[in-house]
Amino acid sequence: RQQLLRLVWEHDYLGDSRLVDACVQRLRAKVEDVPSAPKLIRTVRGVGYRLDAPQ
C-alpha cells in the first residue's frame, strides 16, 4: 500500500493506507464484469495487487 501511495500521489501519505483499498475497489467496479470475483485486478496476499492481462 505504501509503495502505491508513493507512486500514485508522489509524496509520503500520512493518512489511512486503506485509501488504496478503496481506490482498488472503485477501479474493480468500473473494469470488472463481476467485481466480487476479480479477474483483472487481483489481490496477492501479503504482497499487494496484481494487474492481469484480459483474456
PDB file of N, CA and C in Angstrom:
ATOM      1  N   ARG A   1       0.823  -1.199   0.000  1.00  0.00           N
ATOM      2  CA  ARG A   1       0.000   0.000   0.000  1.00  0.00           C
ATOM      3  C   ARG A   1       0.861   1.254   0.000  1.00  0.00           C
ATOM      4  N   GLN A   2       1.886   1.249   0.849  1.00  0.00           N
ATOM      5  CA  GLN A   2       2.742   2.437   0.927  1.00  0.00           C
ATOM      6  C   GLN A   2       3.423   2.724  -0.405  1.00  0.00           C
ATOM      7  N   GLN A   3       3.849   1.666  -1.090  1.00  0.00           N
ATOM      8  CA  GLN A   3       4.502   1.861  -2.387  1.00  0.00           C
ATOM      9  C   GLN A   3       3.522   2.463  -3.397  1.00  0.00           C
ATOM     10  N   LEU A   4       2.296   1.953  -3.431  1.00  0.00           N
ATOM     11  CA  LEU A   4       1.294   2.519  -4.340  1.00  0.00           C
ATOM     12  C   LEU A   4       0.992   3.975  -3.985  1.00  0.00           C
ATOM     13  N   LEU A   5       0.873   4.251  -2.700  1.00  0.00           N
ATOM     14  CA  LEU A   5       0.620   5.634  -2.289  1.00  0.00           C
ATOM     15  C   LEU A   5       1.746   6.553  -2.752  1.00  0.00           C
ATOM     16  N   ARG A   6       2.990   6.108  -2.597  1.00  0.00           N
ATOM     17  CA  ARG A   6       4.131   6.920  -3.030  1.00  0.00           C
ATOM     18  C   ARG A   6       4.147   7.105  -4.539  1.00  0.00           C
ATOM     19  N   LEU A   7       3.871   6.028  -5.281  1.00  0.00           N
ATOM     20  CA  LEU A   7       3.927   6.101  -6.740  1.00  0.00           C
ATOM     21  C   LEU A   7       2.778   6.913  -7.332  1.00  0.00           C
ATOM     22  N   VAL A   8       1.598   6.788  -6.767  1.00  0.00           N
ATOM     23  CA  VAL A   8       0.423   7.465  -7.322  1.00  0.00           C
ATOM     24  C   VAL A   8       0.345   8.917  -6.861  1.00  0.00           C
ATOM     25  N   TRP A   9       0.542   9.150  -5.564  1.00  0.00           N
ATOM     26  CA  TRP A   9       0.402  10.504  -5.035  1.00  0.00           C
ATOM     27  C   TRP A   9       1.731  11.256  -4.994  1.00  0.00           C
ATOM     28  N   GLU A  10       2.834  10.578  -5.281  1.00  0.00           N
ATOM     29  CA  GLU A  10       4.174  11.158  -5.403  1.00  0.00           C
ATOM     30  C   GLU A  10       4.667  11.896  -4.159  1.00  0.00           C
ATOM     31  N   HIS A  11       4.214  11.510  -3.000  1.00  0.00           N
ATOM     32  CA  HIS A  11       4.758  12.040  -1.746  1.00  0.00           C
ATOM     33  C   HIS A  11       4.369  11.083  -0.630  1.00  0.00           C
ATOM     34  N   ASP A  12       4.965  11.257   0.521  1.00  0.00           N
ATOM     35  CA  ASP A  12       4.613  10.402   1.656  1.00  0.00           C
ATOM     36  C   ASP A  12       3.216  10.762   2.135  1.00  0.00           C
ATOM     37  N   TYR A  13       2.351   9.776   2.110  1.00  0.00           N
ATOM     38  CA  TYR A  13       0.966   9.968   2.535  1.00  0.00           C
ATOM     39  C   TYR A  13       0.870   9.546   3.989  1.00  0.00           C
ATOM     40  N   LEU A  14       0.404  10.413   4.850  1.00  0.00           N
ATOM     41  CA  LEU A  14       0.372  10.135   6.277  1.00  0.00           C
ATOM     42  C   LEU A  14      -1.005   9.700   6.766  1.00  0.00           C
ATOM     43  N   GLY A  15      -1.968   9.607   5.876  1.00  0.00           N
ATOM     44  CA  GLY A  15      -3.319   9.225   6.262  1.00  0.00           C
ATOM     45  C   GLY A  15      -3.501   7.717   6.298  1.00  0.00           C
ATOM     46  N   ASP A  16      -4.721   7.290   6.169  1.00  0.00           N
ATOM     47  CA  ASP A  16      -5.087   5.877   6.238  1.00  0.00           C
ATOM     48  C   ASP A  16      -4.660   5.149   4.967  1.00  0.00           C
ATOM     49  N   SER A  17      -3.893   4.057   5.117  1.00  0.00           N
ATOM     50  CA  SER A  17      -3.441   3.303   3.943  1.00  0.00           C
ATOM     51  C   SER A  17      -4.587   2.526   3.297  1.00  0.00           C
ATOM     52  N   ARG A  18      -5.742   2.497   3.934  1.00  0.00           N
ATOM     53  CA  ARG A  18      -6.914   1.843   3.339  1.00  0.00           C
ATOM     54  C   ARG A  18      -7.457   2.641   2.162  1.00  0.00           C
ATOM     55  N   LEU A  19      -6.931   3.833   1.960  1.00  0.00           N
ATOM     56  CA  LEU A  19      -7.293   4.631   0.789  1.00  0.00           C
ATOM     57  C   LEU A  19      -7.020   3.835  -0.484  1.00  0.00           C
ATOM     58  N   VAL A  20      -5.913   3.095  -0.506  1.00  0.00           N
ATOM     59  CA  VAL A  20      -5.567   2.269  -1.670  1.00  0.00           C
ATOM     60  C   VAL A  20      -6.644   1.216  -1.889  1.00  0.00           C
ATOM     61  N   ASP A  21      -7.085   0.564  -0.816  1.00  0.00           N
ATOM     62  CA  ASP A  21      -8.128  -0.460  -0.933  1.00  0.00           C
ATOM     63  C   ASP A  21      -9.406   0.127  -1.517  1.00  0.00           C
ATOM     64  N   ALA A  22      -9.773   1.310  -1.061  1.00  0.00           N
ATOM     65  CA  ALA A  22     -10.987   1.959  -1.560  1.00  0.00           C
ATOM     66  C   ALA A  22     -10.853   2.289  -3.046  1.00  0.00           C
ATOM     67  N   CYS A  23      -9.684   2.763  -3.451  1.00  0.00           N
ATOM     68  CA  CYS A  23      -9.460   3.084  -4.870  1.00  0.00           C
ATOM     69  C   CYS A  23      -9.485   1.830  -5.729  1.00  0.00           C
ATOM     70  N   VAL A  24      -8.881   0.761  -5.245  1.00  0.00           N
ATOM     71  CA  VAL A  24      -8.891  -0.502  -5.992  1.00  0.00           C
ATOM     72  C   VAL A  24     -10.320  -1.021  -6.110  1.00  0.00           C
ATOM     73  N   GLN A  25     -11.100  -0.899  -5.056  1.00  0.00           N
ATOM     74  CA  GLN A  25     -12.498  -1.332  -5.098  1.00  0.00           C
ATOM     75  C   GLN A  25     -13.275  -0.547  -6.158  1.00  0.00           C
ATOM     76  N   ARG A  26     -13.051   0.760  -6.235  1.00  0.00           N
ATOM     77  CA  ARG A  26     -13.732   1.576  -7.250  1.00  0.00           C
ATOM     78  C   ARG A  26     -13.275   1.204  -8.657  1.00  0.00           C
ATOM     79  N   LEU A  27     -11.976   0.954  -8.824  1.00  0.00           N
ATOM     80  CA  LEU A  27     -11.471   0.517 -10.132  1.00  0.00           C
ATOM     81  C   LEU A  27     -12.110  -0.799 -10.551  1.00  0.00           C
ATOM     82  N   ARG A  28     -12.176  -1.745  -9.619  1.00  0.00           N
ATOM     83  CA  ARG A  28     -12.791  -3.041  -9.921  1.00  0.00           C
ATOM     84  C   ARG A  28     -14.242  -2.870 -10.337  1.00  0.00           C
ATOM     85  N   ALA A  29     -14.963  -1.983  -9.669  1.00  0.00           N
ATOM     86  CA  ALA A  29     -16.371  -1.754 -10.005  1.00  0.00           C
ATOM     87  C   ALA A  29     -16.516  -1.242 -11.436  1.00  0.00           C
ATOM     88  N   LYS A  30     -15.505  -0.527 -11.921  1.00  0.00           N
ATOM     89  CA  LYS A  30     -15.573   0.034 -13.271  1.00  0.00           C
ATOM     90  C   LYS A  30     -15.099  -0.928 -14.349  1.00  0.00           C
ATOM     91  N   VAL A  31     -14.096  -1.769 -14.046  1.00  0.00           N
ATOM     92  CA  VAL A  31     -13.481  -2.567 -15.116  1.00  0.00           C
ATOM     93  C   VAL A  31     -13.799  -4.057 -15.074  1.00  0.00           C
ATOM     94  N   GLU A  32     -14.240  -4.558 -13.943  1.00  0.00           N
ATOM     95  CA  GLU A  32     -14.502  -5.992 -13.820  1.00  0.00           C
ATOM     96  C   GLU A  32     -15.946  -6.314 -14.203  1.00  0.00           C
ATOM     97  N   ASP A  33     -16.143  -7.464 -14.849  1.00  0.00           N
ATOM     98  CA  ASP A  33     -17.506  -7.927 -15.127  1.00  0.00           C
ATOM     99  C   ASP A  33     -18.214  -8.268 -13.826  1.00  0.00           C
ATOM    100  N   VAL A  34     -17.498  -8.940 -12.928  1.00  0.00           N
ATOM    101  CA  VAL A  34     -18.018  -9.293 -11.604  1.00  0.00           C
ATOM    102  C   VAL A  34     -16.995  -8.793 -10.576  1.00  0.00           C
ATOM    103  N   PRO A  35     -17.192  -7.597 -10.039  1.00  0.00           N
ATOM    104  CA  PRO A  35     -16.198  -7.023  -9.129  1.00  0.00           C
ATOM    105  C   PRO A  35     -15.889  -7.878  -7.900  1.00  0.00           C
ATOM    106  N   SER A  36     -16.850  -8.667  -7.445  1.00  0.00           N
ATOM    107  CA  SER A  36     -16.610  -9.511  -6.270  1.00  0.00           C
ATOM    108  C   SER A  36     -15.767 -10.739  -6.596  1.00  0.00           C
ATOM    109  N   ALA A  37     -15.575 -11.028  -7.880  1.00  0.00           N
ATOM    110  CA  ALA A  37     -14.714 -12.133  -8.330  1.00  0.00           C
ATOM    111  C   ALA A  37     -13.773 -11.584  -9.406  1.00  0.00           C
ATOM    112  N   PRO A  38     -12.830 -10.732  -9.012  1.00  0.00           N
ATOM    113  CA  PRO A  38     -11.990 -10.036  -9.991  1.00  0.00           C
ATOM    114  C   PRO A  38     -11.086 -10.956 -10.791  1.00  0.00           C
ATOM    115  N   LYS A  39     -10.943 -10.623 -12.061  1.00  0.00           N
ATOM    116  CA  LYS A  39     -10.049 -11.364 -12.948  1.00  0.00           C
ATOM    117  C   LYS A  39      -8.928 -10.472 -13.473  1.00  0.00           C
ATOM    118  N   LEU A  40      -9.113  -9.159 -13.405  1.00  0.00           N
ATOM    119  CA  LEU A  40      -8.104  -8.227 -13.915  1.00  0.00           C
ATOM    120  C   LEU A  40      -7.222  -7.661 -12.801  1.00  0.00           C
ATOM    121  N   ILE A  41      -7.850  -7.156 -11.758  1.00  0.00           N
ATOM    122  CA  ILE A  41      -7.112  -6.585 -10.631  1.00  0.00           C
ATOM    123  C   ILE A  41      -7.232  -7.571  -9.477  1.00  0.00           C
ATOM    124  N   ARG A  42      -6.159  -8.291  -9.235  1.00  0.00           N
ATOM    125  CA  ARG A  42      -6.186  -9.352  -8.226  1.00  0.00           C
ATOM    126  C   ARG A  42      -5.411  -8.945  -6.981  1.00  0.00           C
ATOM    127  N   THR A  43      -5.864  -9.449  -5.853  1.00  0.00           N
ATOM    128  CA  THR A  43      -5.160  -9.254  -4.597  1.00  0.00           C
ATOM    129  C   THR A  43      -4.179 -10.394  -4.415  1.00  0.00           C
ATOM    130  N   VAL A  44      -2.927 -10.043  -4.119  1.00  0.00           N
ATOM    131  CA  VAL A  44      -1.901 -11.042  -3.821  1.00  0.00           C
ATOM    132  C   VAL A  44      -1.618 -10.919  -2.330  1.00  0.00           C
ATOM    133  N   ARG A  45      -2.070 -11.904  -1.579  1.00  0.00           N
ATOM    134  CA  ARG A  45      -1.981 -11.844  -0.126  1.00  0.00           C
ATOM    135  C   ARG A  45      -0.532 -11.663   0.331  1.00  0.00           C
ATOM    136  N   GLY A  46      -0.338 -10.710   1.212  1.00  0.00           N
ATOM    137  CA  GLY A  46       0.977 -10.437   1.757  1.00  0.00           C
ATOM    138  C   GLY A  46       1.883  -9.621   0.850  1.00  0.00           C
ATOM    139  N   VAL A  47       1.401  -9.327  -0.380  1.00  0.00           N
ATOM    140  CA  VAL A  47       2.223  -8.583  -1.342  1.00  0.00           C
ATOM    141  C   VAL A  47       1.533  -7.294  -1.759  1.00  0.00           C
ATOM    142  N   GLY A  48       0.303  -7.398  -2.241  1.00  0.00           N
ATOM    143  CA  GLY A  48      -0.426  -6.218  -2.717  1.00  0.00           C
ATOM    144  C   GLY A  48      -1.404  -6.586  -3.809  1.00  0.00           C
ATOM    145  N   TYR A  49      -1.296  -5.922  -4.936  1.00  0.00           N
ATOM    146  CA  TYR A  49      -2.217  -6.136  -6.046  1.00  0.00           C
ATOM    147  C   TYR A  49      -1.450  -6.489  -7.303  1.00  0.00           C
ATOM    148  N   ARG A  50      -2.134  -7.191  -8.198  1.00  0.00           N
ATOM    149  CA  ARG A  50      -1.541  -7.568  -9.485  1.00  0.00           C
ATOM    150  C   ARG A  50      -2.563  -7.272 -10.571  1.00  0.00           C
ATOM    151  N   LEU A  51      -2.098  -6.671 -11.648  1.00  0.00           N
ATOM    152  CA  LEU A  51      -2.947  -6.395 -12.800  1.00  0.00           C
ATOM    153  C   LEU A  51      -2.682  -7.472 -13.837  1.00  0.00           C
ATOM    154  N   ASP A  52      -3.691  -8.277 -14.137  1.00  0.00           N
ATOM    155  CA  ASP A  52      -3.569  -9.344 -15.124  1.00  0.00           C
ATOM    156  C   ASP A  52      -4.098  -8.872 -16.471  1.00  0.00           C
ATOM    157  N   ALA A  53      -3.500  -9.363 -17.529  1.00  0.00           N
ATOM    158  CA  ALA A  53      -3.950  -9.029 -18.883  1.00  0.00           C
ATOM    159  C   ALA A  53      -5.317  -9.652 -19.134  1.00  0.00           C
ATOM    160  N   PRO A  54      -6.201  -8.940 -19.843  1.00  0.00           N
ATOM    161  CA  PRO A  54      -7.509  -9.512 -20.177  1.00  0.00           C
ATOM    162  C   PRO A  54      -7.348 -10.722 -21.087  1.00  0.00           C
ATOM    163  N   GLN A  55      -8.258 -11.655 -20.948  1.00  0.00           N
ATOM    164  CA  GLN A  55      -8.187 -12.893 -21.734  1.00  0.00           C
ATOM    165  C   GLN A  55      -9.103 -12.827 -22.925  1.00  0.00           C
TER     166      GLN A  55
END
